[in-house]
Amino acid sequence: HIKQYMQKNIYPSPHEQAVLNAARSTGRATITDKQLYELCPELSRQAVNRACSSLSRKGYLHRLRRGLYLLQSRPSTTPELSDPYRIASILR
């Protein structure tokens, strides 16, 4: 019964925070894993991939396709599409 009252932990870990800050520093709505590798040279590729996966589960990022993520202004279970036509053109 206690579990139903506990909320899921959505706070980012230090590695997740580093990836999130790097992604937000671009000022873009989308970011690729390759861009994150360059923006976070202190983290291994595996650490960046794990952080992206975890941030996706927590709602900070939404995976559009392999290696492409949509940034969220706040954690959300549904994607916030500021410009759906731009997103669609990126996915083409």
PDB file of N, CA and C in Angstrom:
ATOM      1  N   HIS A   1       0.811  -1.201   0.000  1.00  0.00           N
ATOM      2  CA  HIS A   1       0.000   0.000   0.000  1.00  0.00           C
ATOM      3  C   HIS A   1       0.851   1.260   0.000  1.00  0.00           C
ATOM      4  N   ILE A   2       2.023   1.167   0.564  1.00  0.00           N
ATOM      5  CA  ILE A   2       2.900   2.337   0.616  1.00  0.00           C
ATOM      6  C   ILE A   2       3.380   2.711  -0.777  1.00  0.00           C
ATOM      7  N   LYS A   3       3.642   1.714  -1.645  1.00  0.00           N
ATOM      8  CA  LYS A   3       4.152   1.984  -2.987  1.00  0.00           C
ATOM      9  C   LYS A   3       3.233   2.885  -3.793  1.00  0.00           C
ATOM     10  N   GLN A   4       1.924   2.715  -3.648  1.00  0.00           N
ATOM     11  CA  GLN A   4       1.019   3.505  -4.449  1.00  0.00           C
ATOM     12  C   GLN A   4       1.091   4.991  -4.083  1.00  0.00           C
ATOM     13  N   TYR A   5       1.574   5.329  -2.902  1.00  0.00           N
ATOM     14  CA  TYR A   5       1.678   6.728  -2.488  1.00  0.00           C
ATOM     15  C   TYR A   5       3.041   7.330  -2.789  1.00  0.00           C
ATOM     16  N   MET A   6       4.005   6.492  -3.096  1.00  0.00           N
ATOM     17  CA  MET A   6       5.356   6.995  -3.385  1.00  0.00           C
ATOM     18  C   MET A   6       5.453   7.399  -4.851  1.00  0.00           C
ATOM     19  N   GLN A   7       6.026   8.553  -5.086  1.00  0.00           N
ATOM     20  CA  GLN A   7       6.199   8.997  -6.461  1.00  0.00           C
ATOM     21  C   GLN A   7       7.528   8.492  -7.000  1.00  0.00           C
ATOM     22  N   LYS A   8       7.565   8.326  -8.312  1.00  0.00           N
ATOM     23  CA  LYS A   8       8.766   7.869  -8.986  1.00  0.00           C
ATOM     24  C   LYS A   8       9.849   8.948  -8.876  1.00  0.00           C
ATOM     25  N   ASN A   9      11.088   8.509  -8.663  1.00  0.00           N
ATOM     26  CA  ASN A   9      12.210   9.438  -8.574  1.00  0.00           C
ATOM     27  C   ASN A   9      12.534   9.960  -9.968  1.00  0.00           C
ATOM     28  N   ILE A  10      12.327  11.252 -10.180  1.00  0.00           N
ATOM     29  CA  ILE A  10      12.615  11.836 -11.487  1.00  0.00           C
ATOM     30  C   ILE A  10      13.786  12.806 -11.432  1.00  0.00           C
ATOM     31  N   TYR A  11      14.499  12.824 -10.323  1.00  0.00           N
ATOM     32  CA  TYR A  11      15.632  13.739 -10.208  1.00  0.00           C
ATOM     33  C   TYR A  11      16.819  13.178 -10.979  1.00  0.00           C
ATOM     34  N   PRO A  12      17.489  14.004 -11.786  1.00  0.00           N
ATOM     35  CA  PRO A  12      18.631  13.507 -12.555  1.00  0.00           C
ATOM     36  C   PRO A  12      19.872  13.298 -11.682  1.00  0.00           C
ATOM     37  N   SER A  13      20.619  12.252 -12.006  1.00  0.00           N
ATOM     38  CA  SER A  13      21.889  11.978 -11.339  1.00  0.00           C
ATOM     39  C   SER A  13      22.922  12.993 -11.850  1.00  0.00           C
ATOM     40  N   PRO A  14      24.119  13.038 -11.269  1.00  0.00           N
ATOM     41  CA  PRO A  14      25.139  13.974 -11.752  1.00  0.00           C
ATOM     42  C   PRO A  14      25.483  13.789 -13.241  1.00  0.00           C
ATOM     43  N   HIS A  15      25.620  12.539 -13.709  1.00  0.00           N
ATOM     44  CA  HIS A  15      25.902  12.314 -15.140  1.00  0.00           C
ATOM     45  C   HIS A  15      24.718  12.758 -15.994  1.00  0.00           C
ATOM     46  N   GLU A  16      23.516  12.435 -15.550  1.00  0.00           N
ATOM     47  CA  GLU A  16      22.323  12.844 -16.281  1.00  0.00           C
ATOM     48  C   GLU A  16      22.211  14.364 -16.330  1.00  0.00           C
ATOM     49  N   GLN A  17      22.549  15.016 -15.227  1.00  0.00           N
ATOM     50  CA  GLN A  17      22.493  16.480 -15.178  1.00  0.00           C
ATOM     51  C   GLN A  17      23.505  17.084 -16.146  1.00  0.00           C
ATOM     52  N   ALA A  18      24.692  16.492 -16.236  1.00  0.00           N
ATOM     53  CA  ALA A  18      25.714  16.984 -17.167  1.00  0.00           C
ATOM     54  C   ALA A  18      25.226  16.862 -18.605  1.00  0.00           C
ATOM     55  N   VAL A  19      24.617  15.738 -18.948  1.00  0.00           N
ATOM     56  CA  VAL A  19      24.098  15.530 -20.303  1.00  0.00           C
ATOM     57  C   VAL A  19      22.944  16.487 -20.570  1.00  0.00           C
ATOM     58  N   LEU A  20      22.061  16.640 -19.627  1.00  0.00           N
ATOM     59  CA  LEU A  20      20.915  17.527 -19.777  1.00  0.00           C
ATOM     60  C   LEU A  20      21.350  18.985 -19.943  1.00  0.00           C
ATOM     61  N   ASN A  21      22.300  19.423 -19.143  1.00  0.00           N
ATOM     62  CA  ASN A  21      22.815  20.788 -19.261  1.00  0.00           C
ATOM     63  C   ASN A  21      23.475  21.011 -20.619  1.00  0.00           C
ATOM     64  N   ALA A  22      24.243  20.021 -21.081  1.00  0.00           N
ATOM     65  CA  ALA A  22      24.900  20.130 -22.385  1.00  0.00           C
ATOM     66  C   ALA A  22      23.849  20.226 -23.493  1.00  0.00           C
ATOM     67  N   ALA A  23      22.825  19.395 -23.414  1.00  0.00           N
ATOM     68  CA  ALA A  23      21.772  19.413 -24.428  1.00  0.00           C
ATOM     69  C   ALA A  23      21.040  20.749 -24.437  1.00  0.00           C
ATOM     70  N   ARG A  24      20.728  21.254 -23.267  1.00  0.00           N
ATOM     71  CA  ARG A  24      20.010  22.538 -23.179  1.00  0.00           C
ATOM     72  C   ARG A  24      20.866  23.711 -23.621  1.00  0.00           C
ATOM     73  N   SER A  25      22.185  23.588 -23.482  1.00  0.00           N
ATOM     74  CA  SER A  25      23.082  24.688 -23.868  1.00  0.00           C
ATOM     75  C   SER A  25      23.059  24.954 -25.373  1.00  0.00           C
ATOM     76  N   THR A  26      22.598  23.993 -26.154  1.00  0.00           N
ATOM     77  CA  THR A  26      22.540  24.184 -27.605  1.00  0.00           C
ATOM     78  C   THR A  26      21.398  25.101 -28.017  1.00  0.00           C
ATOM     79  N   GLY A  27      20.364  25.198 -27.157  1.00  0.00           N
ATOM     80  CA  GLY A  27      19.225  26.038 -27.484  1.00  0.00           C
ATOM     81  C   GLY A  27      18.303  25.431 -28.527  1.00  0.00           C
ATOM     82  N   ARG A  28      18.527  24.169 -28.860  1.00  0.00           N
ATOM     83  CA  ARG A  28      17.717  23.497 -29.875  1.00  0.00           C
ATOM     84  C   ARG A  28      16.700  22.572 -29.212  1.00  0.00           C
ATOM     85  N   ALA A  29      15.672  22.222 -29.964  1.00  0.00           N
ATOM     86  CA  ALA A  29      14.635  21.332 -29.450  1.00  0.00           C
ATOM     87  C   ALA A  29      15.059  19.869 -29.544  1.00  0.00           C
ATOM     88  N   THR A  30      15.943  19.567 -30.481  1.00  0.00           N
ATOM     89  CA  THR A  30      16.399  18.185 -30.655  1.00  0.00           C
ATOM     90  C   THR A  30      17.917  18.118 -30.539  1.00  0.00           C
ATOM     91  N   ILE A  31      18.398  16.927 -30.213  1.00  0.00           N
ATOM     92  CA  ILE A  31      19.842  16.716 -30.127  1.00  0.00           C
ATOM     93  C   ILE A  31      20.142  15.261 -30.448  1.00  0.00           C
ATOM     94  N   THR A  32      21.303  15.028 -31.034  1.00  0.00           N
ATOM     95  CA  THR A  32      21.709  13.662 -31.366  1.00  0.00           C
ATOM     96  C   THR A  32      22.697  13.154 -30.330  1.00  0.00           C
ATOM     97  N   ASP A  33      22.843  11.838 -30.297  1.00  0.00           N
ATOM     98  CA  ASP A  33      23.822  11.265 -29.373  1.00  0.00           C
ATOM     99  C   ASP A  33      25.234  11.693 -29.755  1.00  0.00           C
ATOM    100  N   LYS A  34      25.507  11.842 -31.047  1.00  0.00           N
ATOM    101  CA  LYS A  34      26.844  12.274 -31.493  1.00  0.00           C
ATOM    102  C   LYS A  34      27.170  13.685 -30.990  1.00  0.00           C
ATOM    103  N   GLN A  35      26.183  14.565 -31.014  1.00  0.00           N
ATOM    104  CA  GLN A  35      26.380  15.916 -30.486  1.00  0.00           C
ATOM    105  C   GLN A  35      26.668  15.857 -28.992  1.00  0.00           C
ATOM    106  N   LEU A  36      25.960  14.987 -28.280  1.00  0.00           N
ATOM    107  CA  LEU A  36      26.185  14.858 -26.839  1.00  0.00           C
ATOM    108  C   LEU A  36      27.563  14.292 -26.531  1.00  0.00           C
ATOM    109  N   TYR A  37      28.061  13.372 -27.354  1.00  0.00           N
ATOM    110  CA  TYR A  37      29.414  12.844 -27.154  1.00  0.00           C
ATOM    111  C   TYR A  37      30.430  13.984 -27.215  1.00  0.00           C
ATOM    112  N   GLU A  38      30.229  14.902 -28.167  1.00  0.00           N
ATOM    113  CA  GLU A  38      31.147  16.044 -28.329  1.00  0.00           C
ATOM    114  C   GLU A  38      30.990  17.058 -27.197  1.00  0.00           C
ATOM    115  N   LEU A  39      29.757  17.271 -26.743  1.00  0.00           N
ATOM    116  CA  LEU A  39      29.499  18.250 -25.694  1.00  0.00           C
ATOM    117  C   LEU A  39      29.898  17.757 -24.301  1.00  0.00           C
ATOM    118  N   CYS A  40      30.026  16.451 -24.144  1.00  0.00           N
ATOM    119  CA  CYS A  40      30.367  15.857 -22.835  1.00  0.00           C
ATOM    120  C   CYS A  40      31.620  14.990 -22.958  1.00  0.00           C
ATOM    121  N   PRO A  41      32.774  15.589 -23.286  1.00  0.00           N
ATOM    122  CA  PRO A  41      33.985  14.780 -23.485  1.00  0.00           C
ATOM    123  C   PRO A  41      34.459  14.088 -22.207  1.00  0.00           C
ATOM    124  N   GLU A  42      34.018  14.574 -21.043  1.00  0.00           N
ATOM    125  CA  GLU A  42      34.428  13.972 -19.775  1.00  0.00           C
ATOM    126  C   GLU A  42      33.704  12.653 -19.499  1.00  0.00           C
ATOM    127  N   LEU A  43      32.631  12.390 -20.256  1.00  0.00           N
ATOM    128  CA  LEU A  43      31.861  11.155 -20.082  1.00  0.00           C
ATOM    129  C   LEU A  43      32.139  10.197 -21.241  1.00  0.00           C
ATOM    130  N   SER A  44      32.168   8.919 -20.944  1.00  0.00           N
ATOM    131  CA  SER A  44      32.337   7.920 -21.999  1.00  0.00           C
ATOM    132  C   SER A  44      31.053   7.854 -22.827  1.00  0.00           C
ATOM    133  N   ARG A  45      31.150   7.258 -24.003  1.00  0.00           N
ATOM    134  CA  ARG A  45      29.970   7.107 -24.850  1.00  0.00           C
ATOM    135  C   ARG A  45      28.911   6.277 -24.123  1.00  0.00           C
ATOM    136  N   GLN A  46      29.379   5.254 -23.421  1.00  0.00           N
ATOM    137  CA  GLN A  46      28.456   4.389 -22.675  1.00  0.00           C
ATOM    138  C   GLN A  46      27.726   5.187 -21.587  1.00  0.00           C
ATOM    139  N   ALA A  47      28.436   6.077 -20.901  1.00  0.00           N
ATOM    140  CA  ALA A  47      27.820   6.896 -19.855  1.00  0.00           C
ATOM    141  C   ALA A  47      26.785   7.844 -20.453  1.00  0.00           C
ATOM    142  N   VAL A  48      27.089   8.429 -21.608  1.00  0.00           N
ATOM    143  CA  VAL A  48      26.140   9.319 -22.279  1.00  0.00           C
ATOM    144  C   VAL A  48      24.902   8.529 -22.701  1.00  0.00           C
ATOM    145  N   ASN A  49      25.116   7.335 -23.273  1.00  0.00           N
ATOM    146  CA  ASN A  49      23.983   6.508 -23.699  1.00  0.00           C
ATOM    147  C   ASN A  49      23.104   6.111 -22.521  1.00  0.00           C
ATOM    148  N   ARG A  50      23.727   5.726 -21.415  1.00  0.00           N
ATOM    149  CA  ARG A  50      22.955   5.360 -20.225  1.00  0.00           C
ATOM    150  C   ARG A  50      22.173   6.560 -19.687  1.00  0.00           C
ATOM    151  N   ALA A  51      22.827   7.732 -19.684  1.00  0.00           N
ATOM    152  CA  ALA A  51      22.161   8.945 -19.197  1.00  0.00           C
ATOM    153  C   ALA A  51      20.961   9.284 -20.087  1.00  0.00           C
ATOM    154  N   CYS A  52      21.126   9.177 -21.398  1.00  0.00           N
ATOM    155  CA  CYS A  52      20.014   9.462 -22.316  1.00  0.00           C
ATOM    156  C   CYS A  52      18.864   8.490 -22.099  1.00  0.00           C
ATOM    157  N   SER A  53      19.181   7.230 -21.917  1.00  0.00           N
ATOM    158  CA  SER A  53      18.157   6.226 -21.676  1.00  0.00           C
ATOM    159  C   SER A  53      17.397   6.533 -20.383  1.00  0.00           C
ATOM    160  N   SER A  54      18.133   6.852 -19.345  1.00  0.00           N
ATOM    161  CA  SER A  54      17.516   7.156 -18.059  1.00  0.00           C
ATOM    162  C   SER A  54      16.708   8.451 -18.126  1.00  0.00           C
ATOM    163  N   LEU A  55      17.244   9.470 -18.794  1.00  0.00           N
ATOM    164  CA  LEU A  55      16.522  10.735 -18.939  1.00  0.00           C
ATOM    165  C   LEU A  55      15.245  10.550 -19.756  1.00  0.00           C
ATOM    166  N   SER A  56      15.272   9.611 -20.689  1.00  0.00           N
ATOM    167  CA  SER A  56      14.059   9.299 -21.456  1.00  0.00           C
ATOM    168  C   SER A  56      13.009   8.660 -20.561  1.00  0.00           C
ATOM    169  N   ARG A  57      13.442   7.715 -19.724  1.00  0.00           N
ATOM    170  CA  ARG A  57      12.501   7.068 -18.799  1.00  0.00           C
ATOM    171  C   ARG A  57      11.909   8.078 -17.816  1.00  0.00           C
ATOM    172  N   LYS A  58      12.701   9.062 -17.421  1.00  0.00           N
ATOM    173  CA  LYS A  58      12.251  10.058 -16.449  1.00  0.00           C
ATOM    174  C   LYS A  58      11.459  11.194 -17.090  1.00  0.00           C
ATOM    175  N   GLY A  59      11.442  11.271 -18.433  1.00  0.00           N
ATOM    176  CA  GLY A  59      10.645  12.280 -19.127  1.00  0.00           C
ATOM    177  C   GLY A  59      11.360  13.568 -19.478  1.00  0.00           C
ATOM    178  N   TYR A  60      12.678  13.641 -19.243  1.00  0.00           N
ATOM    179  CA  TYR A  60      13.427  14.849 -19.612  1.00  0.00           C
ATOM    180  C   TYR A  60      13.729  14.877 -21.110  1.00  0.00           C
ATOM    181  N   LEU A  61      13.880  13.706 -21.701  1.00  0.00           N
ATOM    182  CA  LEU A  61      14.105  13.561 -23.137  1.00  0.00           C
ATOM    183  C   LEU A  61      13.042  12.608 -23.673  1.00  0.00           C
ATOM    184  N   HIS A  62      12.710  12.770 -24.953  1.00  0.00           N
ATOM    185  CA  HIS A  62      11.861  11.797 -25.631  1.00  0.00           C
ATOM    186  C   HIS A  62      12.631  11.314 -26.850  1.00  0.00           C
ATOM    187  N   ARG A  63      12.733  10.003 -26.965  1.00  0.00           N
ATOM    188  CA  ARG A  63      13.466   9.407 -28.081  1.00  0.00           C
ATOM    189  C   ARG A  63      12.592   9.472 -29.330  1.00  0.00           C
ATOM    190  N   LEU A  64      13.080  10.174 -30.359  1.00  0.00           N
ATOM    191  CA  LEU A  64      12.352  10.275 -31.622  1.00  0.00           C
ATOM    192  C   LEU A  64      12.690   9.096 -32.522  1.00  0.00           C
ATOM    193  N   ARG A  65      13.952   8.720 -32.503  1.00  0.00           N
ATOM    194  CA  ARG A  65      14.456   7.529 -33.175  1.00  0.00           C
ATOM    195  C   ARG A  65      15.826   7.254 -32.590  1.00  0.00           C
ATOM    196  N   ARG A  66      16.455   6.194 -33.038  1.00  0.00           N
ATOM    197  CA  ARG A  66      17.755   5.834 -32.478  1.00  0.00           C
ATOM    198  C   ARG A  66      18.742   7.000 -32.631  1.00  0.00           C
ATOM    199  N   GLY A  67      19.259   7.458 -31.494  1.00  0.00           N
ATOM    200  CA  GLY A  67      20.262   8.516 -31.500  1.00  0.00           C
ATOM    201  C   GLY A  67      19.726   9.926 -31.652  1.00  0.00           C
ATOM    202  N   LEU A  68      18.420  10.115 -31.650  1.00  0.00           N
ATOM    203  CA  LEU A  68      17.832  11.447 -31.797  1.00  0.00           C
ATOM    204  C   LEU A  68      16.808  11.655 -30.689  1.00  0.00           C
ATOM    205  N   TYR A  69      16.972  12.744 -29.961  1.00  0.00           N
ATOM    206  CA  TYR A  69      16.135  13.009 -28.790  1.00  0.00           C
ATOM    207  C   TYR A  69      15.491  14.385 -28.874  1.00  0.00           C
ATOM    208  N   LEU A  70      14.306  14.489 -28.303  1.00  0.00           N
ATOM    209  CA  LEU A  70      13.572  15.742 -28.168  1.00  0.00           C
ATOM    210  C   LEU A  70      13.706  16.189 -26.720  1.00  0.00           C
ATOM    211  N   LEU A  71      14.197  17.409 -26.509  1.00  0.00           N
ATOM    212  CA  LEU A  71      14.354  17.943 -25.155  1.00  0.00           C
ATOM    213  C   LEU A  71      13.021  18.466 -24.647  1.00  0.00           C
ATOM    214  N   GLN A  72      12.797  18.299 -23.359  1.00  0.00           N
ATOM    215  CA  GLN A  72      11.587  18.781 -22.709  1.00  0.00           C
ATOM    216  C   GLN A  72      11.943  19.908 -21.743  1.00  0.00           C
ATOM    217  N   SER A  73      11.058  20.882 -21.614  1.00  0.00           N
ATOM    218  CA  SER A  73      11.312  21.980 -20.678  1.00  0.00           C
ATOM    219  C   SER A  73      11.162  21.511 -19.231  1.00  0.00           C
ATOM    220  N   ARG A  74      10.324  20.488 -19.034  1.00  0.00           N
ATOM    221  CA  ARG A  74      10.159  19.870 -17.710  1.00  0.00           C
ATOM    222  C   ARG A  74       9.807  18.402 -17.943  1.00  0.00           C
ATOM    223  N   PRO A  75      10.020  17.551 -16.961  1.00  0.00           N
ATOM    224  CA  PRO A  75       9.712  16.129 -17.151  1.00  0.00           C
ATOM    225  C   PRO A  75       8.247  15.925 -17.542  1.00  0.00           C
ATOM    226  N   SER A  76       8.043  15.084 -18.540  1.00  0.00           N
ATOM    227  CA  SER A  76       6.697  14.861 -19.051  1.00  0.00           C
ATOM    228  C   SER A  76       6.603  13.471 -19.675  1.00  0.00           C
ATOM    229  N   THR A  77       5.442  12.870 -19.553  1.00  0.00           N
ATOM    230  CA  THR A  77       5.234  11.563 -20.178  1.00  0.00           C
ATOM    231  C   THR A  77       4.811  11.696 -21.636  1.00  0.00           C
ATOM    232  N   THR A  78       4.370  12.891 -22.034  1.00  0.00           N
ATOM    233  CA  THR A  78       4.018  13.132 -23.437  1.00  0.00           C
ATOM    234  C   THR A  78       4.935  14.211 -23.997  1.00  0.00           C
ATOM    235  N   PRO A  79       5.383  14.054 -25.236  1.00  0.00           N
ATOM    236  CA  PRO A  79       6.308  15.034 -25.820  1.00  0.00           C
ATOM    237  C   PRO A  79       5.673  16.408 -25.984  1.00  0.00           C
ATOM    238  N   GLU A  80       6.472  17.434 -25.714  1.00  0.00           N
ATOM    239  CA  GLU A  80       6.061  18.818 -25.977  1.00  0.00           C
ATOM    240  C   GLU A  80       6.635  19.191 -27.338  1.00  0.00           C
ATOM    241  N   LEU A  81       5.779  19.390 -28.314  1.00  0.00           N
ATOM    242  CA  LEU A  81       6.224  19.712 -29.667  1.00  0.00           C
ATOM    243  C   LEU A  81       6.008  21.193 -29.927  1.00  0.00           C
ATOM    244  N   SER A  82       7.070  21.979 -29.814  1.00  0.00           N
ATOM    245  CA  SER A  82       6.949  23.414 -30.056  1.00  0.00           C
ATOM    246  C   SER A  82       6.784  23.694 -31.542  1.00  0.00           C
ATOM    247  N   ASP A  83       7.421  22.878 -32.392  1.00  0.00           N
ATOM    248  CA  ASP A  83       7.321  23.048 -33.838  1.00  0.00           C
ATOM    249  C   ASP A  83       7.229  21.669 -34.483  1.00  0.00           C
ATOM    250  N   PRO A  84       6.022  21.099 -34.557  1.00  0.00           N
ATOM    251  CA  PRO A  84       5.879  19.741 -35.075  1.00  0.00           C
ATOM    252  C   PRO A  84       6.352  19.580 -36.525  1.00  0.00           C
ATOM    253  N   TYR A  85       6.244  20.632 -37.328  1.00  0.00           N
ATOM    254  CA  TYR A  85       6.675  20.542 -38.730  1.00  0.00           C
ATOM    255  C   TYR A  85       8.191  20.419 -38.825  1.00  0.00           C
ATOM    256  N   ARG A  86       8.895  21.128 -37.966  1.00  0.00           N
ATOM    257  CA  ARG A  86      10.371  21.023 -37.947  1.00  0.00           C
ATOM    258  C   ARG A  86      10.788  19.622 -37.503  1.00  0.00           C
ATOM    259  N   ILE A  87      10.127  19.093 -36.491  1.00  0.00           N
ATOM    260  CA  ILE A  87      10.418  17.748 -36.012  1.00  0.00           C
ATOM    261  C   ILE A  87      10.166  16.740 -37.145  1.00  0.00           C
ATOM    262  N   ALA A  88       9.060  16.902 -37.843  1.00  0.00           N
ATOM    263  CA  ALA A  88       8.720  15.996 -38.944  1.00  0.00           C
ATOM    264  C   ALA A  88       9.781  16.059 -40.043  1.00  0.00           C
ATOM    265  N   SER A  89      10.285  17.251 -40.350  1.00  0.00           N
ATOM    266  CA  SER A  89      11.307  17.370 -41.389  1.00  0.00           C
ATOM    267  C   SER A  89      12.625  16.740 -40.964  1.00  0.00           C
ATOM    268  N   ILE A  90      12.934  16.775 -39.675  1.00  0.00           N
ATOM    269  CA  ILE A  90      14.145  16.132 -39.165  1.00  0.00           C
ATOM    270  C   ILE A  90      14.017  14.627 -39.271  1.00  0.00           C
ATOM    271  N   LEU A  91      12.822  14.101 -39.051  1.00  0.00           N
ATOM    272  CA  LEU A  91      12.596  12.652 -39.070  1.00  0.00           C
ATOM    273  C   LEU A  91      12.512  12.087 -40.484  1.00  0.00           C
ATOM    274  N   ARG A  92      12.379  12.913 -41.494  1.00  0.00           N
ATOM    275  CA  ARG A  92      12.292  12.427 -42.890  1.00  0.00           C
ATOM    276  C   ARG A  92      13.523  11.730 -43.327  1.00  0.00           C
TER     277      ARG A  92
END
